[in-house]
Amino acid sequence: MNRPTNTPTKERHEFPKLKAEHGEDPARFLQAGRHLATARIRGIDDLELLEAYRAVAKQILRGSTRDRILSALDDRHAELTGDDSSEDTPEPDPTELPADAEPVPATDGGVVESDDAPIHPDASGLDPGEVLVAETPDGTEHIWSATIDADQPYVMVVDGGEPVELSKNDAFSRLTYDPERKTNAEIDLEPPALAATGGDGE
């Protein structure tokens, strides 16, 4: 593991060797706030990158934030490996699962069963009904997980314009702008047809 380089003004850590190896620096996301960090962790599909995140988290995080991030890493590792035997990974609480007989509105006006949400299989980090809102040099960007009908796992609208489909890498690159996580009900914008709304989180 290479040693971190601190930026004096913001006390930011950087791991350039990890960025060169994996295409991203885990410290960048781990220092962006717990919600954004856990969103990124849920999108990791590479076990080696996941372990790089674990090593960096142990090195630069402290207290409850460190514990929560390590728990999120354990959960993602269990999802990727199918290993749910870890003592650190709690069993799901059946009372927190959606009622399997209760339909929710689909984006196209139909209904889908809540245990079969119309979300793109490669989308992660955003639940149906959630949207990231980021202020960027190009304008205000709204990003949703896409439905199974989309070619890419995410869909974005900039300043109320036409929807644009995004790859996972393109979507996560927007975390640079520290987006807010909101529900469809909290924004003044109609979700595009390809957005997985899951009943708009209401």
N, C-alpha and C. Protein backbone atom coordinates (compact mmCIF):
# COMPACT_ATOMS: atom_id res chain seq x y z
N MET A 1 0.85 -1.19 0.00
CA MET A 1 0.00 0.00 0.00
C MET A 1 0.89 1.24 0.00
N ASN A 2 0.66 2.13 -0.94
CA ASN A 2 1.44 3.35 -0.95
C ASN A 2 0.97 4.30 0.13
N ARG A 3 1.85 5.15 0.60
CA ARG A 3 1.52 6.08 1.67
C ARG A 3 0.72 7.25 1.14
N PRO A 4 -0.25 7.74 1.90
CA PRO A 4 -1.07 8.84 1.42
C PRO A 4 -0.30 10.15 1.39
N THR A 5 -0.73 11.01 0.49
CA THR A 5 -0.17 12.36 0.41
C THR A 5 -1.23 13.33 0.88
N ASN A 6 -0.94 14.10 1.89
CA ASN A 6 -1.93 15.04 2.43
C ASN A 6 -1.88 16.36 1.69
N THR A 7 -3.05 16.90 1.37
CA THR A 7 -3.15 18.26 0.84
C THR A 7 -3.32 19.18 2.04
N PRO A 8 -2.38 20.06 2.34
CA PRO A 8 -2.38 20.79 3.60
C PRO A 8 -3.64 21.56 3.90
N THR A 9 -4.26 22.21 2.89
CA THR A 9 -5.38 23.10 3.17
C THR A 9 -6.65 22.34 3.52
N LYS A 10 -6.86 21.17 2.98
CA LYS A 10 -8.10 20.44 3.21
C LYS A 10 -7.89 19.12 3.92
N GLU A 11 -6.66 18.80 4.30
CA GLU A 11 -6.37 17.52 4.95
C GLU A 11 -6.93 16.36 4.13
N ARG A 12 -6.71 16.41 2.83
CA ARG A 12 -7.16 15.35 1.94
C ARG A 12 -6.05 14.35 1.69
N HIS A 13 -6.40 13.09 1.68
CA HIS A 13 -5.44 12.03 1.39
C HIS A 13 -5.55 11.64 -0.08
N GLU A 14 -4.46 11.27 -0.68
CA GLU A 14 -4.44 10.81 -2.06
C GLU A 14 -3.58 9.56 -2.16
N PHE A 15 -4.03 8.62 -3.01
CA PHE A 15 -3.30 7.38 -3.25
C PHE A 15 -3.11 7.22 -4.75
N PRO A 16 -2.15 7.92 -5.33
CA PRO A 16 -1.98 7.93 -6.79
C PRO A 16 -1.68 6.56 -7.37
N LYS A 17 -0.99 5.69 -6.63
CA LYS A 17 -0.71 4.35 -7.17
C LYS A 17 -1.98 3.53 -7.30
N LEU A 18 -2.89 3.67 -6.35
CA LEU A 18 -4.17 2.97 -6.45
C LEU A 18 -4.99 3.52 -7.61
N LYS A 19 -4.93 4.82 -7.82
CA LYS A 19 -5.65 5.41 -8.95
C LYS A 19 -5.10 4.88 -10.27
N ALA A 20 -3.77 4.75 -10.35
CA ALA A 20 -3.17 4.22 -11.57
C ALA A 20 -3.53 2.76 -11.78
N GLU A 21 -3.65 2.02 -10.70
CA GLU A 21 -3.95 0.58 -10.80
C GLU A 21 -5.41 0.30 -11.08
N HIS A 22 -6.29 1.06 -10.43
CA HIS A 22 -7.73 0.76 -10.52
C HIS A 22 -8.54 1.79 -11.30
N GLY A 23 -7.91 2.91 -11.68
CA GLY A 23 -8.64 3.93 -12.41
C GLY A 23 -9.38 4.91 -11.52
N GLU A 24 -9.27 4.76 -10.21
CA GLU A 24 -9.86 5.70 -9.28
C GLU A 24 -9.14 5.62 -7.95
N ASP A 25 -9.19 6.71 -7.20
CA ASP A 25 -8.57 6.78 -5.89
C ASP A 25 -9.67 6.60 -4.84
N PRO A 26 -9.65 5.50 -4.09
CA PRO A 26 -10.70 5.29 -3.08
C PRO A 26 -10.84 6.45 -2.10
N ALA A 27 -9.74 7.12 -1.79
CA ALA A 27 -9.79 8.22 -0.83
C ALA A 27 -10.71 9.33 -1.30
N ARG A 28 -10.77 9.54 -2.60
CA ARG A 28 -11.61 10.60 -3.15
C ARG A 28 -13.08 10.41 -2.75
N PHE A 29 -13.56 9.17 -2.83
CA PHE A 29 -14.96 8.91 -2.51
C PHE A 29 -15.16 8.75 -1.00
N LEU A 30 -14.19 8.14 -0.32
CA LEU A 30 -14.33 7.92 1.12
C LEU A 30 -14.33 9.24 1.89
N GLN A 31 -13.72 10.27 1.33
CA GLN A 31 -13.68 11.58 1.98
C GLN A 31 -14.79 12.51 1.49
N ALA A 32 -15.66 12.01 0.62
CA ALA A 32 -16.72 12.85 0.05
C ALA A 32 -17.98 12.85 0.90
N GLY A 33 -17.98 12.09 2.00
CA GLY A 33 -19.16 11.99 2.85
C GLY A 33 -19.68 10.57 2.84
N ARG A 34 -20.31 10.17 3.95
CA ARG A 34 -20.71 8.77 4.11
C ARG A 34 -21.72 8.32 3.06
N HIS A 35 -22.69 9.19 2.72
CA HIS A 35 -23.73 8.77 1.77
C HIS A 35 -23.14 8.54 0.38
N LEU A 36 -22.28 9.43 -0.06
CA LEU A 36 -21.67 9.26 -1.37
C LEU A 36 -20.71 8.08 -1.37
N ALA A 37 -19.99 7.90 -0.26
CA ALA A 37 -19.05 6.78 -0.17
C ALA A 37 -19.78 5.44 -0.24
N THR A 38 -20.88 5.32 0.50
CA THR A 38 -21.62 4.05 0.47
C THR A 38 -22.29 3.84 -0.88
N ALA A 39 -22.72 4.93 -1.54
CA ALA A 39 -23.28 4.79 -2.88
C ALA A 39 -22.24 4.24 -3.85
N ARG A 40 -21.02 4.74 -3.75
CA ARG A 40 -19.96 4.23 -4.62
C ARG A 40 -19.63 2.79 -4.31
N ILE A 41 -19.59 2.44 -3.03
CA ILE A 41 -19.29 1.07 -2.62
C ILE A 41 -20.32 0.10 -3.19
N ARG A 42 -21.59 0.51 -3.19
CA ARG A 42 -22.64 -0.37 -3.73
C ARG A 42 -22.48 -0.58 -5.23
N GLY A 43 -21.71 0.31 -5.90
CA GLY A 43 -21.49 0.17 -7.33
C GLY A 43 -20.22 -0.57 -7.71
N ILE A 44 -19.43 -0.99 -6.73
CA ILE A 44 -18.16 -1.68 -7.04
C ILE A 44 -18.44 -3.14 -7.39
N ASP A 45 -17.88 -3.58 -8.52
CA ASP A 45 -18.03 -4.96 -8.96
C ASP A 45 -16.72 -5.74 -8.92
N ASP A 46 -15.62 -5.06 -8.64
CA ASP A 46 -14.29 -5.66 -8.66
C ASP A 46 -13.83 -5.90 -7.22
N LEU A 47 -13.57 -7.17 -6.87
CA LEU A 47 -13.17 -7.49 -5.50
C LEU A 47 -11.84 -6.85 -5.12
N GLU A 48 -10.92 -6.73 -6.07
CA GLU A 48 -9.63 -6.10 -5.76
C GLU A 48 -9.82 -4.62 -5.44
N LEU A 49 -10.68 -3.95 -6.19
CA LEU A 49 -10.97 -2.55 -5.90
C LEU A 49 -11.66 -2.43 -4.55
N LEU A 50 -12.56 -3.36 -4.25
CA LEU A 50 -13.26 -3.35 -2.97
C LEU A 50 -12.26 -3.46 -1.82
N GLU A 51 -11.26 -4.33 -1.97
CA GLU A 51 -10.25 -4.47 -0.92
C GLU A 51 -9.36 -3.25 -0.83
N ALA A 52 -9.13 -2.56 -1.96
CA ALA A 52 -8.38 -1.31 -1.91
C ALA A 52 -9.15 -0.28 -1.09
N TYR A 53 -10.48 -0.23 -1.29
CA TYR A 53 -11.30 0.67 -0.49
C TYR A 53 -11.21 0.32 0.99
N ARG A 54 -11.20 -0.97 1.31
CA ARG A 54 -11.13 -1.39 2.71
C ARG A 54 -9.81 -0.93 3.35
N ALA A 55 -8.71 -1.14 2.61
CA ALA A 55 -7.40 -0.76 3.14
C ALA A 55 -7.30 0.74 3.38
N VAL A 56 -7.82 1.52 2.42
CA VAL A 56 -7.77 2.97 2.56
C VAL A 56 -8.68 3.43 3.69
N ALA A 57 -9.87 2.84 3.79
CA ALA A 57 -10.82 3.22 4.86
C ALA A 57 -10.19 2.99 6.23
N LYS A 58 -9.51 1.86 6.39
CA LYS A 58 -8.87 1.57 7.69
C LYS A 58 -7.76 2.57 7.99
N GLN A 59 -7.16 3.10 6.94
CA GLN A 59 -6.03 4.00 7.14
C GLN A 59 -6.45 5.44 7.41
N ILE A 60 -7.52 5.91 6.76
CA ILE A 60 -7.82 7.35 6.83
C ILE A 60 -9.09 7.70 7.60
N LEU A 61 -9.96 6.72 7.87
CA LEU A 61 -11.21 7.02 8.55
C LEU A 61 -11.14 6.68 10.03
N ARG A 62 -12.00 7.31 10.83
CA ARG A 62 -12.02 7.09 12.27
C ARG A 62 -13.46 7.02 12.76
N GLY A 63 -13.63 6.43 13.92
CA GLY A 63 -14.90 6.45 14.63
C GLY A 63 -16.04 5.75 13.94
N SER A 64 -17.25 6.33 14.12
CA SER A 64 -18.44 5.69 13.57
C SER A 64 -18.45 5.69 12.06
N THR A 65 -17.86 6.72 11.43
CA THR A 65 -17.79 6.73 9.96
C THR A 65 -17.00 5.53 9.46
N ARG A 66 -15.87 5.26 10.09
CA ARG A 66 -15.05 4.11 9.71
C ARG A 66 -15.84 2.82 9.86
N ASP A 67 -16.55 2.67 10.98
CA ASP A 67 -17.32 1.45 11.24
C ASP A 67 -18.41 1.25 10.19
N ARG A 68 -19.09 2.34 9.83
CA ARG A 68 -20.18 2.23 8.85
C ARG A 68 -19.65 1.91 7.46
N ILE A 69 -18.54 2.51 7.09
CA ILE A 69 -17.96 2.23 5.78
C ILE A 69 -17.47 0.79 5.70
N LEU A 70 -16.81 0.32 6.75
CA LEU A 70 -16.34 -1.07 6.76
C LEU A 70 -17.52 -2.05 6.71
N SER A 71 -18.61 -1.69 7.37
CA SER A 71 -19.80 -2.53 7.31
C SER A 71 -20.38 -2.56 5.90
N ALA A 72 -20.39 -1.40 5.23
CA ALA A 72 -20.87 -1.34 3.84
C ALA A 72 -19.97 -2.17 2.92
N LEU A 73 -18.68 -2.15 3.18
CA LEU A 73 -17.74 -2.96 2.39
C LEU A 73 -17.98 -4.45 2.63
N ASP A 74 -18.25 -4.82 3.87
CA ASP A 74 -18.57 -6.22 4.18
C ASP A 74 -19.83 -6.67 3.44
N ASP A 75 -20.84 -5.79 3.46
CA ASP A 75 -22.09 -6.12 2.78
C ASP A 75 -21.88 -6.31 1.28
N ARG A 76 -21.10 -5.40 0.68
CA ARG A 76 -20.87 -5.50 -0.77
C ARG A 76 -20.04 -6.73 -1.10
N HIS A 77 -19.06 -7.05 -0.25
CA HIS A 77 -18.26 -8.26 -0.46
C HIS A 77 -19.14 -9.50 -0.43
N ALA A 78 -20.07 -9.54 0.53
CA ALA A 78 -20.98 -10.68 0.62
C ALA A 78 -21.87 -10.78 -0.62
N GLU A 79 -22.31 -9.63 -1.14
CA GLU A 79 -23.14 -9.63 -2.35
C GLU A 79 -22.36 -10.17 -3.55
N LEU A 80 -21.11 -9.76 -3.67
CA LEU A 80 -20.31 -10.16 -4.83
C LEU A 80 -19.88 -11.62 -4.77
N THR A 81 -19.63 -12.13 -3.57
CA THR A 81 -19.13 -13.50 -3.43
C THR A 81 -20.23 -14.50 -3.11
N GLY A 82 -21.42 -14.00 -2.75
CA GLY A 82 -22.49 -14.91 -2.36
C GLY A 82 -22.27 -15.49 -0.98
N ASP A 83 -21.32 -14.93 -0.23
CA ASP A 83 -20.99 -15.41 1.10
C ASP A 83 -21.74 -14.58 2.12
N ASP A 84 -22.82 -15.13 2.66
CA ASP A 84 -23.59 -14.41 3.66
C ASP A 84 -23.37 -14.96 5.05
N SER A 85 -22.25 -15.69 5.23
CA SER A 85 -22.00 -16.32 6.52
C SER A 85 -21.22 -15.43 7.47
N SER A 86 -20.80 -14.25 6.99
CA SER A 86 -20.00 -13.36 7.84
C SER A 86 -20.80 -12.91 9.04
N GLU A 87 -20.16 -12.95 10.21
CA GLU A 87 -20.83 -12.51 11.42
C GLU A 87 -21.06 -11.01 11.40
N ASP A 88 -20.29 -10.29 10.58
CA ASP A 88 -20.44 -8.84 10.51
C ASP A 88 -21.61 -8.42 9.64
N THR A 89 -22.15 -9.36 8.87
CA THR A 89 -23.24 -9.03 7.96
C THR A 89 -24.55 -9.52 8.56
N PRO A 90 -25.41 -8.62 9.05
CA PRO A 90 -26.65 -9.06 9.70
C PRO A 90 -27.62 -9.67 8.70
N GLU A 91 -28.43 -10.59 9.20
CA GLU A 91 -29.48 -11.16 8.36
C GLU A 91 -30.52 -10.08 8.06
N PRO A 92 -31.09 -10.08 6.85
CA PRO A 92 -32.11 -9.07 6.54
C PRO A 92 -33.33 -9.21 7.43
N ASP A 93 -33.89 -8.09 7.80
CA ASP A 93 -35.09 -8.07 8.63
C ASP A 93 -36.31 -8.17 7.74
N PRO A 94 -37.09 -9.27 7.83
CA PRO A 94 -38.24 -9.43 6.93
C PRO A 94 -39.24 -8.29 7.04
N THR A 95 -39.29 -7.63 8.20
CA THR A 95 -40.25 -6.55 8.36
C THR A 95 -39.87 -5.32 7.55
N GLU A 96 -38.61 -5.26 7.07
CA GLU A 96 -38.17 -4.11 6.29
C GLU A 96 -38.30 -4.35 4.79
N LEU A 97 -38.66 -5.56 4.39
CA LEU A 97 -38.82 -5.86 2.97
C LEU A 97 -40.17 -5.37 2.48
N PRO A 98 -40.27 -4.94 1.22
CA PRO A 98 -41.57 -4.50 0.70
C PRO A 98 -42.56 -5.65 0.61
N ALA A 99 -43.82 -5.33 0.81
CA ALA A 99 -44.86 -6.36 0.71
C ALA A 99 -44.92 -6.88 -0.72
N ASP A 100 -44.76 -8.20 -0.90
CA ASP A 100 -44.64 -8.73 -2.26
C ASP A 100 -45.95 -8.72 -3.03
N ALA A 101 -47.04 -8.44 -2.37
CA ALA A 101 -48.32 -8.41 -3.08
C ALA A 101 -48.76 -6.98 -3.43
N GLU A 102 -47.96 -5.99 -3.02
CA GLU A 102 -48.37 -4.60 -3.22
C GLU A 102 -47.74 -4.03 -4.48
N PRO A 103 -48.52 -3.76 -5.54
CA PRO A 103 -47.93 -3.20 -6.76
C PRO A 103 -47.56 -1.73 -6.57
N VAL A 104 -46.56 -1.29 -7.32
CA VAL A 104 -46.17 0.12 -7.30
C VAL A 104 -46.22 0.65 -8.73
N PRO A 105 -46.47 1.95 -8.91
CA PRO A 105 -46.56 2.50 -10.28
C PRO A 105 -45.22 2.39 -11.01
N ALA A 106 -45.27 1.99 -12.26
CA ALA A 106 -44.07 2.00 -13.11
C ALA A 106 -44.00 3.34 -13.82
N THR A 107 -42.84 3.65 -14.38
CA THR A 107 -42.65 4.94 -15.05
C THR A 107 -43.62 5.12 -16.21
N ASP A 108 -43.93 4.02 -16.91
CA ASP A 108 -44.77 4.15 -18.09
C ASP A 108 -46.25 4.18 -17.76
N GLY A 109 -46.60 4.23 -16.47
CA GLY A 109 -48.00 4.32 -16.07
C GLY A 109 -48.60 2.99 -15.72
N GLY A 110 -47.90 1.87 -15.99
CA GLY A 110 -48.39 0.57 -15.61
C GLY A 110 -48.02 0.27 -14.18
N VAL A 111 -48.09 -1.00 -13.81
CA VAL A 111 -47.68 -1.39 -12.46
C VAL A 111 -46.74 -2.57 -12.56
N VAL A 112 -45.86 -2.65 -11.57
CA VAL A 112 -44.97 -3.81 -11.45
C VAL A 112 -45.02 -4.26 -10.01
N GLU A 113 -44.75 -5.52 -9.79
CA GLU A 113 -44.69 -6.02 -8.42
C GLU A 113 -43.48 -5.41 -7.74
N SER A 114 -43.60 -5.08 -6.45
CA SER A 114 -42.52 -4.39 -5.76
C SER A 114 -41.27 -5.24 -5.61
N ASP A 115 -41.39 -6.58 -5.71
CA ASP A 115 -40.18 -7.41 -5.63
C ASP A 115 -39.57 -7.61 -7.00
N ASP A 116 -40.09 -6.92 -8.02
CA ASP A 116 -39.55 -7.02 -9.38
C ASP A 116 -39.48 -5.62 -9.97
N ALA A 117 -38.77 -4.71 -9.26
CA ALA A 117 -38.70 -3.31 -9.68
C ALA A 117 -38.05 -3.20 -11.04
N PRO A 118 -38.52 -2.25 -11.88
CA PRO A 118 -38.02 -2.14 -13.26
C PRO A 118 -36.69 -1.42 -13.34
N ILE A 119 -35.68 -1.92 -12.62
CA ILE A 119 -34.40 -1.23 -12.59
C ILE A 119 -33.38 -1.98 -13.45
N HIS A 120 -32.52 -1.22 -14.12
CA HIS A 120 -31.50 -1.81 -14.98
C HIS A 120 -30.59 -2.72 -14.14
N PRO A 121 -30.25 -3.90 -14.64
CA PRO A 121 -29.45 -4.84 -13.82
C PRO A 121 -28.07 -4.34 -13.46
N ASP A 122 -27.52 -3.38 -14.22
CA ASP A 122 -26.18 -2.87 -13.92
C ASP A 122 -26.20 -1.61 -13.06
N ALA A 123 -27.39 -1.13 -12.70
CA ALA A 123 -27.49 0.07 -11.88
C ALA A 123 -27.31 -0.30 -10.41
N SER A 124 -26.61 0.57 -9.68
CA SER A 124 -26.44 0.38 -8.24
C SER A 124 -26.15 1.73 -7.61
N GLY A 125 -26.36 1.81 -6.32
CA GLY A 125 -26.08 3.05 -5.60
C GLY A 125 -27.25 4.00 -5.51
N LEU A 126 -28.25 3.83 -6.36
CA LEU A 126 -29.47 4.64 -6.32
C LEU A 126 -30.66 3.70 -6.36
N ASP A 127 -31.51 3.79 -5.36
CA ASP A 127 -32.72 2.99 -5.35
C ASP A 127 -33.76 3.62 -6.27
N PRO A 128 -34.70 2.83 -6.78
CA PRO A 128 -35.79 3.43 -7.56
C PRO A 128 -36.50 4.50 -6.73
N GLY A 129 -36.70 5.65 -7.33
CA GLY A 129 -37.31 6.76 -6.61
C GLY A 129 -36.31 7.75 -6.07
N GLU A 130 -35.01 7.42 -6.14
CA GLU A 130 -33.97 8.35 -5.70
C GLU A 130 -33.33 9.03 -6.90
N VAL A 131 -32.86 10.25 -6.68
CA VAL A 131 -32.22 11.01 -7.75
C VAL A 131 -31.07 11.81 -7.15
N LEU A 132 -29.94 11.85 -7.88
CA LEU A 132 -28.82 12.70 -7.49
C LEU A 132 -28.96 14.04 -8.21
N VAL A 133 -28.79 15.13 -7.46
CA VAL A 133 -28.90 16.47 -8.02
C VAL A 133 -27.55 17.16 -7.82
N ALA A 134 -26.89 17.50 -8.92
CA ALA A 134 -25.55 18.09 -8.85
C ALA A 134 -25.51 19.40 -9.63
N GLU A 135 -24.87 20.40 -9.04
CA GLU A 135 -24.63 21.67 -9.72
C GLU A 135 -23.26 21.60 -10.37
N THR A 136 -23.20 21.54 -11.69
CA THR A 136 -21.95 21.40 -12.43
C THR A 136 -21.76 22.60 -13.36
N PRO A 137 -20.58 22.75 -13.95
CA PRO A 137 -20.38 23.84 -14.91
C PRO A 137 -21.33 23.79 -16.10
N ASP A 138 -21.86 22.59 -16.40
CA ASP A 138 -22.79 22.45 -17.52
C ASP A 138 -24.23 22.72 -17.15
N GLY A 139 -24.51 22.90 -15.85
CA GLY A 139 -25.87 23.13 -15.40
C GLY A 139 -26.25 22.17 -14.29
N THR A 140 -27.52 22.20 -13.89
CA THR A 140 -28.01 21.31 -12.85
C THR A 140 -28.32 19.94 -13.45
N GLU A 141 -27.64 18.93 -12.94
CA GLU A 141 -27.81 17.57 -13.44
C GLU A 141 -28.66 16.76 -12.47
N HIS A 142 -29.64 16.05 -13.01
CA HIS A 142 -30.45 15.10 -12.25
C HIS A 142 -30.17 13.70 -12.81
N ILE A 143 -29.80 12.77 -11.93
CA ILE A 143 -29.43 11.43 -12.37
C ILE A 143 -30.26 10.39 -11.62
N TRP A 144 -30.87 9.48 -12.38
CA TRP A 144 -31.64 8.37 -11.84
C TRP A 144 -31.02 7.04 -12.26
N SER A 145 -31.29 5.98 -11.50
CA SER A 145 -31.08 4.64 -12.04
C SER A 145 -32.08 4.45 -13.17
N ALA A 146 -31.65 3.74 -14.20
CA ALA A 146 -32.52 3.54 -15.37
C ALA A 146 -33.35 2.27 -15.22
N THR A 147 -34.39 2.18 -16.03
CA THR A 147 -35.20 0.97 -16.06
C THR A 147 -34.53 -0.10 -16.92
N ILE A 148 -35.10 -1.27 -16.91
CA ILE A 148 -34.54 -2.37 -17.70
C ILE A 148 -34.65 -2.13 -19.20
N ASP A 149 -35.44 -1.14 -19.60
CA ASP A 149 -35.58 -0.83 -21.03
C ASP A 149 -34.43 0.00 -21.57
N ALA A 150 -33.61 0.58 -20.69
CA ALA A 150 -32.52 1.47 -21.12
C ALA A 150 -31.30 0.66 -21.54
N ASP A 151 -30.50 1.23 -22.43
CA ASP A 151 -29.25 0.59 -22.84
C ASP A 151 -28.17 0.76 -21.80
N GLN A 152 -28.19 1.88 -21.07
CA GLN A 152 -27.21 2.16 -20.03
C GLN A 152 -27.90 2.14 -18.66
N PRO A 153 -27.13 1.96 -17.56
CA PRO A 153 -27.76 1.79 -16.24
C PRO A 153 -28.26 3.07 -15.59
N TYR A 154 -27.91 4.24 -16.13
CA TYR A 154 -28.35 5.50 -15.53
C TYR A 154 -28.88 6.43 -16.61
N VAL A 155 -29.71 7.37 -16.18
CA VAL A 155 -30.24 8.37 -17.11
C VAL A 155 -30.14 9.74 -16.44
N MET A 156 -29.73 10.75 -17.23
CA MET A 156 -29.49 12.08 -16.69
C MET A 156 -30.25 13.12 -17.50
N VAL A 157 -30.72 14.15 -16.79
CA VAL A 157 -31.35 15.31 -17.41
C VAL A 157 -30.59 16.54 -16.91
N VAL A 158 -30.16 17.40 -17.83
CA VAL A 158 -29.44 18.62 -17.48
C VAL A 158 -30.34 19.82 -17.76
N ASP A 159 -30.65 20.59 -16.71
CA ASP A 159 -31.47 21.79 -16.83
C ASP A 159 -32.77 21.56 -17.59
N GLY A 160 -33.41 20.43 -17.31
CA GLY A 160 -34.71 20.16 -17.93
C GLY A 160 -34.65 19.80 -19.39
N GLY A 161 -33.47 19.49 -19.91
CA GLY A 161 -33.33 19.15 -21.32
C GLY A 161 -33.70 17.71 -21.62
N GLU A 162 -33.19 17.20 -22.75
CA GLU A 162 -33.50 15.85 -23.15
C GLU A 162 -32.71 14.84 -22.30
N PRO A 163 -33.31 13.69 -21.96
CA PRO A 163 -32.60 12.68 -21.16
C PRO A 163 -31.39 12.11 -21.92
N VAL A 164 -30.34 11.84 -21.18
CA VAL A 164 -29.13 11.24 -21.72
C VAL A 164 -28.80 10.01 -20.87
N GLU A 165 -28.58 8.87 -21.53
CA GLU A 165 -28.21 7.66 -20.80
C GLU A 165 -26.73 7.71 -20.45
N LEU A 166 -26.40 7.21 -19.26
CA LEU A 166 -25.02 7.23 -18.77
C LEU A 166 -24.55 5.83 -18.41
N SER A 167 -23.27 5.58 -18.67
CA SER A 167 -22.64 4.35 -18.17
C SER A 167 -22.39 4.52 -16.68
N LYS A 168 -21.98 3.42 -16.02
CA LYS A 168 -21.69 3.49 -14.59
C LYS A 168 -20.54 4.46 -14.32
N ASN A 169 -19.48 4.39 -15.13
CA ASN A 169 -18.34 5.28 -14.93
C ASN A 169 -18.73 6.74 -15.09
N ASP A 170 -19.54 7.03 -16.13
CA ASP A 170 -19.98 8.41 -16.35
C ASP A 170 -20.84 8.91 -15.19
N ALA A 171 -21.70 8.03 -14.67
CA ALA A 171 -22.57 8.44 -13.56
C ALA A 171 -21.75 8.72 -12.31
N PHE A 172 -20.81 7.84 -11.98
CA PHE A 172 -20.03 8.03 -10.77
C PHE A 172 -19.05 9.19 -10.88
N SER A 173 -18.70 9.58 -12.12
CA SER A 173 -17.82 10.74 -12.26
C SER A 173 -18.50 12.00 -11.77
N ARG A 174 -19.83 12.01 -11.71
CA ARG A 174 -20.57 13.19 -11.25
C ARG A 174 -20.42 13.39 -9.75
N LEU A 175 -19.94 12.37 -9.01
CA LEU A 175 -19.76 12.52 -7.57
C LEU A 175 -18.75 13.61 -7.23
N THR A 176 -17.93 13.97 -8.22
CA THR A 176 -16.98 15.06 -8.03
C THR A 176 -17.69 16.34 -7.59
N TYR A 177 -18.92 16.53 -8.05
CA TYR A 177 -19.64 17.77 -7.78
C TYR A 177 -20.50 17.68 -6.52
N ASP A 178 -20.26 16.65 -5.70
CA ASP A 178 -20.94 16.51 -4.40
C ASP A 178 -22.45 16.65 -4.53
N PRO A 179 -23.09 15.77 -5.28
CA PRO A 179 -24.54 15.89 -5.50
C PRO A 179 -25.34 15.59 -4.25
N GLU A 180 -26.55 16.14 -4.20
CA GLU A 180 -27.49 15.84 -3.14
C GLU A 180 -28.33 14.63 -3.55
N ARG A 181 -28.64 13.78 -2.59
CA ARG A 181 -29.52 12.63 -2.83
C ARG A 181 -30.93 13.04 -2.42
N LYS A 182 -31.86 12.98 -3.37
CA LYS A 182 -33.24 13.37 -3.10
C LYS A 182 -34.19 12.30 -3.60
N THR A 183 -35.47 12.49 -3.31
CA THR A 183 -36.51 11.64 -3.88
C THR A 183 -37.18 12.39 -5.02
N ASN A 184 -37.90 11.67 -5.86
CA ASN A 184 -38.62 12.32 -6.95
C ASN A 184 -39.60 13.37 -6.44
N ALA A 185 -40.18 13.10 -5.26
CA ALA A 185 -41.16 14.04 -4.71
C ALA A 185 -40.52 15.35 -4.28
N GLU A 186 -39.20 15.36 -4.08
CA GLU A 186 -38.51 16.55 -3.58
C GLU A 186 -37.97 17.45 -4.70
N ILE A 187 -38.09 17.03 -5.94
CA ILE A 187 -37.55 17.84 -7.03
C ILE A 187 -38.68 18.36 -7.90
N ASP A 188 -38.43 19.49 -8.52
CA ASP A 188 -39.43 20.11 -9.38
C ASP A 188 -39.14 19.75 -10.83
N LEU A 189 -39.19 18.44 -11.10
CA LEU A 189 -38.87 17.95 -12.44
C LEU A 189 -39.52 16.60 -12.64
N GLU A 190 -40.16 16.43 -13.78
CA GLU A 190 -40.77 15.14 -14.11
C GLU A 190 -39.68 14.15 -14.49
N PRO A 191 -39.61 13.00 -13.83
CA PRO A 191 -38.59 12.02 -14.20
C PRO A 191 -38.77 11.56 -15.64
N PRO A 192 -37.68 11.31 -16.35
CA PRO A 192 -37.79 10.83 -17.73
C PRO A 192 -38.38 9.43 -17.77
N ALA A 193 -38.84 9.03 -18.95
CA ALA A 193 -39.50 7.74 -19.09
C ALA A 193 -38.60 6.57 -18.71
N LEU A 194 -37.29 6.73 -18.90
CA LEU A 194 -36.36 5.64 -18.61
C LEU A 194 -35.88 5.61 -17.16
N ALA A 195 -36.39 6.52 -16.32
CA ALA A 195 -35.97 6.54 -14.91
C ALA A 195 -36.75 5.49 -14.12
N ALA A 196 -36.03 4.77 -13.28
CA ALA A 196 -36.67 3.78 -12.39
C ALA A 196 -37.18 4.53 -11.18
N THR A 197 -38.48 4.84 -11.16
CA THR A 197 -39.02 5.68 -10.10
C THR A 197 -39.49 4.88 -8.89
N GLY A 198 -39.87 3.63 -9.07
CA GLY A 198 -40.31 2.82 -7.93
C GLY A 198 -41.44 3.43 -7.15
N GLY A 199 -42.32 4.13 -7.81
CA GLY A 199 -43.43 4.77 -7.11
C GLY A 199 -43.06 6.13 -6.55
N ASP A 200 -41.93 6.71 -7.05
CA ASP A 200 -41.48 8.05 -6.68
C ASP A 200 -41.10 8.20 -5.23
N GLY A 201 -40.86 7.07 -4.55
CA GLY A 201 -40.41 7.13 -3.17
C GLY A 201 -41.47 7.62 -2.21
N GLU A 202 -42.70 7.64 -2.66
CA GLU A 202 -43.76 8.15 -1.78
C GLU A 202 -44.40 6.98 -1.03
